Amino acid sequence: MLISARFLVVSGQETIEFVGTDLDEAPAADFSLVNQFGEPVSLSDQSGKVTVLTFLYTNCP
């Protein structure tokens, strides 16, 4: 158990190199959609928040 605790302490000090692409902030055009309750929701309503959009479609026979 002592070995496990020491491993956790040592591994927590490791610096992790960023691997990826930095994306510059780009303004998005405002648009409106209707939510599941039939209420309009616009992108400007989410101003200042992190927003992730997913457009899904399913077609089951």
PDB file of N, CA and C in Angstrom:
ATOM      1  N   MET A   1       0.828  -1.183   0.000  1.00  0.00           N
ATOM      2  CA  MET A   1       0.000   0.000   0.000  1.00  0.00           C
ATOM      3  C   MET A   1       0.877   1.254   0.000  1.00  0.00           C
ATOM      4  N   LEU A   2       1.977   1.232   0.730  1.00  0.00           N
ATOM      5  CA  LEU A   2       2.887   2.374   0.770  1.00  0.00           C
ATOM      6  C   LEU A   2       3.487   2.627  -0.608  1.00  0.00           C
ATOM      7  N   ILE A   3       3.789   1.560  -1.319  1.00  0.00           N
ATOM      8  CA  ILE A   3       4.342   1.700  -2.669  1.00  0.00           C
ATOM      9  C   ILE A   3       3.297   2.335  -3.592  1.00  0.00           C
ATOM     10  N   SER A   4       2.047   1.933  -3.453  1.00  0.00           N
ATOM     11  CA  SER A   4       0.977   2.508  -4.273  1.00  0.00           C
ATOM     12  C   SER A   4       0.826   3.996  -4.008  1.00  0.00           C
ATOM     13  N   ALA A   5       0.850   4.387  -2.741  1.00  0.00           N
ATOM     14  CA  ALA A   5       0.714   5.800  -2.383  1.00  0.00           C
ATOM     15  C   ALA A   5       1.883   6.611  -2.928  1.00  0.00           C
ATOM     16  N   ARG A   6       3.089   6.068  -2.844  1.00  0.00           N
ATOM     17  CA  ARG A   6       4.262   6.780  -3.350  1.00  0.00           C
ATOM     18  C   ARG A   6       4.174   6.942  -4.869  1.00  0.00           C
ATOM     19  N   PHE A   7       3.713   5.928  -5.559  1.00  0.00           N
ATOM     20  CA  PHE A   7       3.551   6.002  -7.008  1.00  0.00           C
ATOM     21  C   PHE A   7       2.567   7.106  -7.382  1.00  0.00           C
ATOM     22  N   LEU A   8       1.464   7.216  -6.648  1.00  0.00           N
ATOM     23  CA  LEU A   8       0.472   8.241  -6.940  1.00  0.00           C
ATOM     24  C   LEU A   8       1.034   9.642  -6.730  1.00  0.00           C
ATOM     25  N   VAL A   9       1.830   9.819  -5.686  1.00  0.00           N
ATOM     26  CA  VAL A   9       2.427  11.125  -5.413  1.00  0.00           C
ATOM     27  C   VAL A   9       3.427  11.490  -6.499  1.00  0.00           C
ATOM     28  N   VAL A  10       4.270  10.559  -6.874  1.00  0.00           N
ATOM     29  CA  VAL A  10       5.289  10.818  -7.891  1.00  0.00           C
ATOM     30  C   VAL A  10       4.638  11.045  -9.256  1.00  0.00           C
ATOM     31  N   SER A  11       3.650  10.248  -9.614  1.00  0.00           N
ATOM     32  CA  SER A  11       3.028  10.385 -10.930  1.00  0.00           C
ATOM     33  C   SER A  11       2.200  11.661 -11.028  1.00  0.00           C
ATOM     34  N   GLY A  12       1.749  12.208  -9.919  1.00  0.00           N
ATOM     35  CA  GLY A  12       0.973  13.442  -9.935  1.00  0.00           C
ATOM     36  C   GLY A  12       1.810  14.664 -10.250  1.00  0.00           C
ATOM     37  N   GLN A  13       3.126  14.559 -10.211  1.00  0.00           N
ATOM     38  CA  GLN A  13       3.994  15.704 -10.452  1.00  0.00           C
ATOM     39  C   GLN A  13       4.477  15.769 -11.900  1.00  0.00           C
ATOM     40  N   GLU A  14       4.056  14.862 -12.713  1.00  0.00           N
ATOM     41  CA  GLU A  14       4.499  14.823 -14.107  1.00  0.00           C
ATOM     42  C   GLU A  14       3.816  15.932 -14.911  1.00  0.00           C
ATOM     43  N   THR A  15       4.581  16.617 -15.743  1.00  0.00           N
ATOM     44  CA  THR A  15       4.006  17.639 -16.619  1.00  0.00           C
ATOM     45  C   THR A  15       3.536  16.952 -17.893  1.00  0.00           C
ATOM     46  N   ILE A  16       2.370  17.314 -18.337  1.00  0.00           N
ATOM     47  CA  ILE A  16       1.806  16.701 -19.533  1.00  0.00           C
ATOM     48  C   ILE A  16       1.914  17.699 -20.678  1.00  0.00           C
ATOM     49  N   GLU A  17       2.485  17.257 -21.782  1.00  0.00           N
ATOM     50  CA  GLU A  17       2.638  18.111 -22.953  1.00  0.00           C
ATOM     51  C   GLU A  17       1.331  18.136 -23.737  1.00  0.00           C
ATOM     52  N   PHE A  18       0.915  19.334 -24.136  1.00  0.00           N
ATOM     53  CA  PHE A  18      -0.303  19.484 -24.926  1.00  0.00           C
ATOM     54  C   PHE A  18      -0.063  18.959 -26.334  1.00  0.00           C
ATOM     55  N   VAL A  19      -0.906  18.053 -26.774  1.00  0.00           N
ATOM     56  CA  VAL A  19      -0.839  17.539 -28.138  1.00  0.00           C
ATOM     57  C   VAL A  19      -2.202  17.820 -28.760  1.00  0.00           C
ATOM     58  N   GLY A  20      -2.225  18.695 -29.711  1.00  0.00           N
ATOM     59  CA  GLY A  20      -3.491  19.042 -30.332  1.00  0.00           C
ATOM     60  C   GLY A  20      -3.368  20.332 -31.108  1.00  0.00           C
ATOM     61  N   THR A  21      -4.498  20.927 -31.400  1.00  0.00           N
ATOM     62  CA  THR A  21      -4.534  22.162 -32.162  1.00  0.00           C
ATOM     63  C   THR A  21      -5.256  23.225 -31.355  1.00  0.00           C
ATOM     64  N   ASP A  22      -4.589  24.354 -31.117  1.00  0.00           N
ATOM     65  CA  ASP A  22      -5.259  25.479 -30.485  1.00  0.00           C
ATOM     66  C   ASP A  22      -6.174  26.123 -31.512  1.00  0.00           C
ATOM     67  N   LEU A  23      -7.414  26.331 -31.146  1.00  0.00           N
ATOM     68  CA  LEU A  23      -8.360  26.968 -32.050  1.00  0.00           C
ATOM     69  C   LEU A  23      -8.563  28.406 -31.612  1.00  0.00           C
ATOM     70  N   ASP A  24      -8.390  29.323 -32.531  1.00  0.00           N
ATOM     71  CA  ASP A  24      -8.654  30.726 -32.230  1.00  0.00           C
ATOM     72  C   ASP A  24     -10.156  30.919 -32.116  1.00  0.00           C
ATOM     73  N   GLU A  25     -10.531  31.885 -31.286  1.00  0.00           N
ATOM     74  CA  GLU A  25     -11.953  32.177 -31.166  1.00  0.00           C
ATOM     75  C   GLU A  25     -12.449  32.770 -32.474  1.00  0.00           C
ATOM     76  N   ALA A  26     -13.478  32.190 -32.998  1.00  0.00           N
ATOM     77  CA  ALA A  26     -14.085  32.691 -34.225  1.00  0.00           C
ATOM     78  C   ALA A  26     -15.560  32.954 -33.935  1.00  0.00           C
ATOM     79  N   PRO A  27     -16.057  34.122 -34.287  1.00  0.00           N
ATOM     80  CA  PRO A  27     -17.463  34.412 -34.005  1.00  0.00           C
ATOM     81  C   PRO A  27     -18.379  33.522 -34.849  1.00  0.00           C
ATOM     82  N   ALA A  28     -19.423  33.063 -34.237  1.00  0.00           N
ATOM     83  CA  ALA A  28     -20.409  32.239 -34.945  1.00  0.00           C
ATOM     84  C   ALA A  28     -21.636  33.097 -35.232  1.00  0.00           C
ATOM     85  N   ALA A  29     -22.233  32.879 -36.363  1.00  0.00           N
ATOM     86  CA  ALA A  29     -23.453  33.615 -36.716  1.00  0.00           C
ATOM     87  C   ALA A  29     -24.581  33.190 -35.785  1.00  0.00           C
ATOM     88  N   ASP A  30     -25.384  34.150 -35.359  1.00  0.00           N
ATOM     89  CA  ASP A  30     -26.502  33.832 -34.472  1.00  0.00           C
ATOM     90  C   ASP A  30     -27.584  33.095 -35.264  1.00  0.00           C
ATOM     91  N   PHE A  31     -28.186  32.105 -34.639  1.00  0.00           N
ATOM     92  CA  PHE A  31     -29.284  31.370 -35.260  1.00  0.00           C
ATOM     93  C   PHE A  31     -30.213  30.888 -34.160  1.00  0.00           C
ATOM     94  N   SER A  32     -31.409  30.518 -34.536  1.00  0.00           N
ATOM     95  CA  SER A  32     -32.403  30.036 -33.579  1.00  0.00           C
ATOM     96  C   SER A  32     -32.899  28.664 -33.990  1.00  0.00           C
ATOM     97  N   LEU A  33     -33.171  27.852 -33.002  1.00  0.00           N
ATOM     98  CA  LEU A  33     -33.768  26.534 -33.195  1.00  0.00           C
ATOM     99  C   LEU A  33     -34.894  26.383 -32.187  1.00  0.00           C
ATOM    100  N   VAL A  34     -35.664  25.343 -32.327  1.00  0.00           N
ATOM    101  CA  VAL A  34     -36.745  25.066 -31.389  1.00  0.00           C
ATOM    102  C   VAL A  34     -36.331  23.872 -30.544  1.00  0.00           C
ATOM    103  N   ASN A  35     -36.449  23.999 -29.212  1.00  0.00           N
ATOM    104  CA  ASN A  35     -36.059  22.894 -28.338  1.00  0.00           C
ATOM    105  C   ASN A  35     -37.167  21.853 -28.238  1.00  0.00           C
ATOM    106  N   GLN A  36     -36.942  20.841 -27.428  1.00  0.00           N
ATOM    107  CA  GLN A  36     -37.886  19.731 -27.313  1.00  0.00           C
ATOM    108  C   GLN A  36     -39.216  20.140 -26.690  1.00  0.00           C
ATOM    109  N   PHE A  37     -39.273  21.347 -26.104  1.00  0.00           N
ATOM    110  CA  PHE A  37     -40.508  21.841 -25.499  1.00  0.00           C
ATOM    111  C   PHE A  37     -41.237  22.825 -26.411  1.00  0.00           C
ATOM    112  N   GLY A  38     -40.720  22.998 -27.640  1.00  0.00           N
ATOM    113  CA  GLY A  38     -41.336  23.902 -28.594  1.00  0.00           C
ATOM    114  C   GLY A  38     -40.965  25.362 -28.386  1.00  0.00           C
ATOM    115  N   GLU A  39     -39.976  25.632 -27.530  1.00  0.00           N
ATOM    116  CA  GLU A  39     -39.551  27.003 -27.254  1.00  0.00           C
ATOM    117  C   GLU A  39     -38.350  27.360 -28.123  1.00  0.00           C
ATOM    118  N   PRO A  40     -38.311  28.600 -28.636  1.00  0.00           N
ATOM    119  CA  PRO A  40     -37.155  29.009 -29.437  1.00  0.00           C
ATOM    120  C   PRO A  40     -35.920  29.207 -28.558  1.00  0.00           C
ATOM    121  N   VAL A  41     -34.786  28.773 -29.053  1.00  0.00           N
ATOM    122  CA  VAL A  41     -33.503  28.944 -28.366  1.00  0.00           C
ATOM    123  C   VAL A  41     -32.524  29.469 -29.402  1.00  0.00           C
ATOM    124  N   SER A  42     -31.831  30.554 -29.072  1.00  0.00           N
ATOM    125  CA  SER A  42     -30.864  31.104 -30.022  1.00  0.00           C
ATOM    126  C   SER A  42     -29.458  30.988 -29.461  1.00  0.00           C
ATOM    127  N   LEU A  43     -28.501  31.030 -30.339  1.00  0.00           N
ATOM    128  CA  LEU A  43     -27.107  30.942 -29.931  1.00  0.00           C
ATOM    129  C   LEU A  43     -26.742  32.105 -29.019  1.00  0.00           C
ATOM    130  N   SER A  44     -27.310  33.271 -29.259  1.00  0.00           N
ATOM    131  CA  SER A  44     -27.000  34.431 -28.419  1.00  0.00           C
ATOM    132  C   SER A  44     -27.477  34.235 -26.980  1.00  0.00           C
ATOM    133  N   ASP A  45     -28.441  33.340 -26.745  1.00  0.00           N
ATOM    134  CA  ASP A  45     -28.876  33.022 -25.374  1.00  0.00           C
ATOM    135  C   ASP A  45     -27.754  32.365 -24.579  1.00  0.00           C
ATOM    136  N   GLN A  46     -26.800  31.771 -25.265  1.00  0.00           N
ATOM    137  CA  GLN A  46     -25.709  31.044 -24.614  1.00  0.00           C
ATOM    138  C   GLN A  46     -24.445  31.884 -24.493  1.00  0.00           C
ATOM    139  N   SER A  47     -24.536  33.164 -24.740  1.00  0.00           N
ATOM    140  CA  SER A  47     -23.370  34.051 -24.712  1.00  0.00           C
ATOM    141  C   SER A  47     -22.626  33.944 -23.382  1.00  0.00           C
ATOM    142  N   GLY A  48     -21.307  33.760 -23.459  1.00  0.00           N
ATOM    143  CA  GLY A  48     -20.474  33.652 -22.266  1.00  0.00           C
ATOM    144  C   GLY A  48     -20.385  32.246 -21.701  1.00  0.00           C
ATOM    145  N   LYS A  49     -21.071  31.293 -22.304  1.00  0.00           N
ATOM    146  CA  LYS A  49     -21.054  29.906 -21.841  1.00  0.00           C
ATOM    147  C   LYS A  49     -20.335  29.033 -22.868  1.00  0.00           C
ATOM    148  N   VAL A  50     -19.753  27.947 -22.398  1.00  0.00           N
ATOM    149  CA  VAL A  50     -19.195  26.962 -23.320  1.00  0.00           C
ATOM    150  C   VAL A  50     -20.377  26.223 -23.933  1.00  0.00           C
ATOM    151  N   THR A  51     -20.427  26.184 -25.243  1.00  0.00           N
ATOM    152  CA  THR A  51     -21.566  25.587 -25.930  1.00  0.00           C
ATOM    153  C   THR A  51     -21.090  24.523 -26.904  1.00  0.00           C
ATOM    154  N   VAL A  52     -21.679  23.341 -26.806  1.00  0.00           N
ATOM    155  CA  VAL A  52     -21.373  22.242 -27.720  1.00  0.00           C
ATOM    156  C   VAL A  52     -22.675  21.872 -28.417  1.00  0.00           C
ATOM    157  N   LEU A  53     -22.652  21.862 -29.726  1.00  0.00           N
ATOM    158  CA  LEU A  53     -23.841  21.515 -30.501  1.00  0.00           C
ATOM    159  C   LEU A  53     -23.674  20.148 -31.134  1.00  0.00           C
ATOM    160  N   THR A  54     -24.732  19.392 -31.103  1.00  0.00           N
ATOM    161  CA  THR A  54     -24.748  18.097 -31.769  1.00  0.00           C
ATOM    162  C   THR A  54     -26.056  17.995 -32.538  1.00  0.00           C
ATOM    163  N   PHE A  55     -25.955  17.686 -33.792  1.00  0.00           N
ATOM    164  CA  PHE A  55     -27.142  17.478 -34.609  1.00  0.00           C
ATOM    165  C   PHE A  55     -27.237  15.981 -34.889  1.00  0.00           C
ATOM    166  N   LEU A  56     -28.273  15.362 -34.354  1.00  0.00           N
ATOM    167  CA  LEU A  56     -28.448  13.919 -34.497  1.00  0.00           C
ATOM    168  C   LEU A  56     -29.718  13.632 -35.282  1.00  0.00           C
ATOM    169  N   TYR A  57     -29.677  12.545 -35.999  1.00  0.00           N
ATOM    170  CA  TYR A  57     -30.851  12.089 -36.725  1.00  0.00           C
ATOM    171  C   TYR A  57     -30.863  10.569 -36.682  1.00  0.00           C
ATOM    172  N   THR A  58     -31.992  10.021 -36.356  1.00  0.00           N
ATOM    173  CA  THR A  58     -32.125   8.564 -36.414  1.00  0.00           C
ATOM    174  C   THR A  58     -33.363   8.234 -37.230  1.00  0.00           C
ATOM    175  N   ASN A  59     -33.306   7.125 -37.887  1.00  0.00           N
ATOM    176  CA  ASN A  59     -34.440   6.659 -38.656  1.00  0.00           C
ATOM    177  C   ASN A  59     -34.530   5.158 -38.454  1.00  0.00           C
ATOM    178  N   CYS A  60     -35.396   4.771 -37.572  1.00  0.00           N
ATOM    179  CA  CYS A  60     -35.545   3.342 -37.284  1.00  0.00           C
ATOM    180  C   CYS A  60     -36.725   2.790 -38.078  1.00  0.00           C
ATOM    181  N   PRO A  61     -36.559   1.635 -38.666  1.00  0.00           N
ATOM    182  CA  PRO A  61     -37.668   1.044 -39.433  1.00  0.00           C
ATOM    183  C   PRO A  61     -38.798   0.583 -38.540  1.00  0.00           C
TER     184      PRO A  61
END
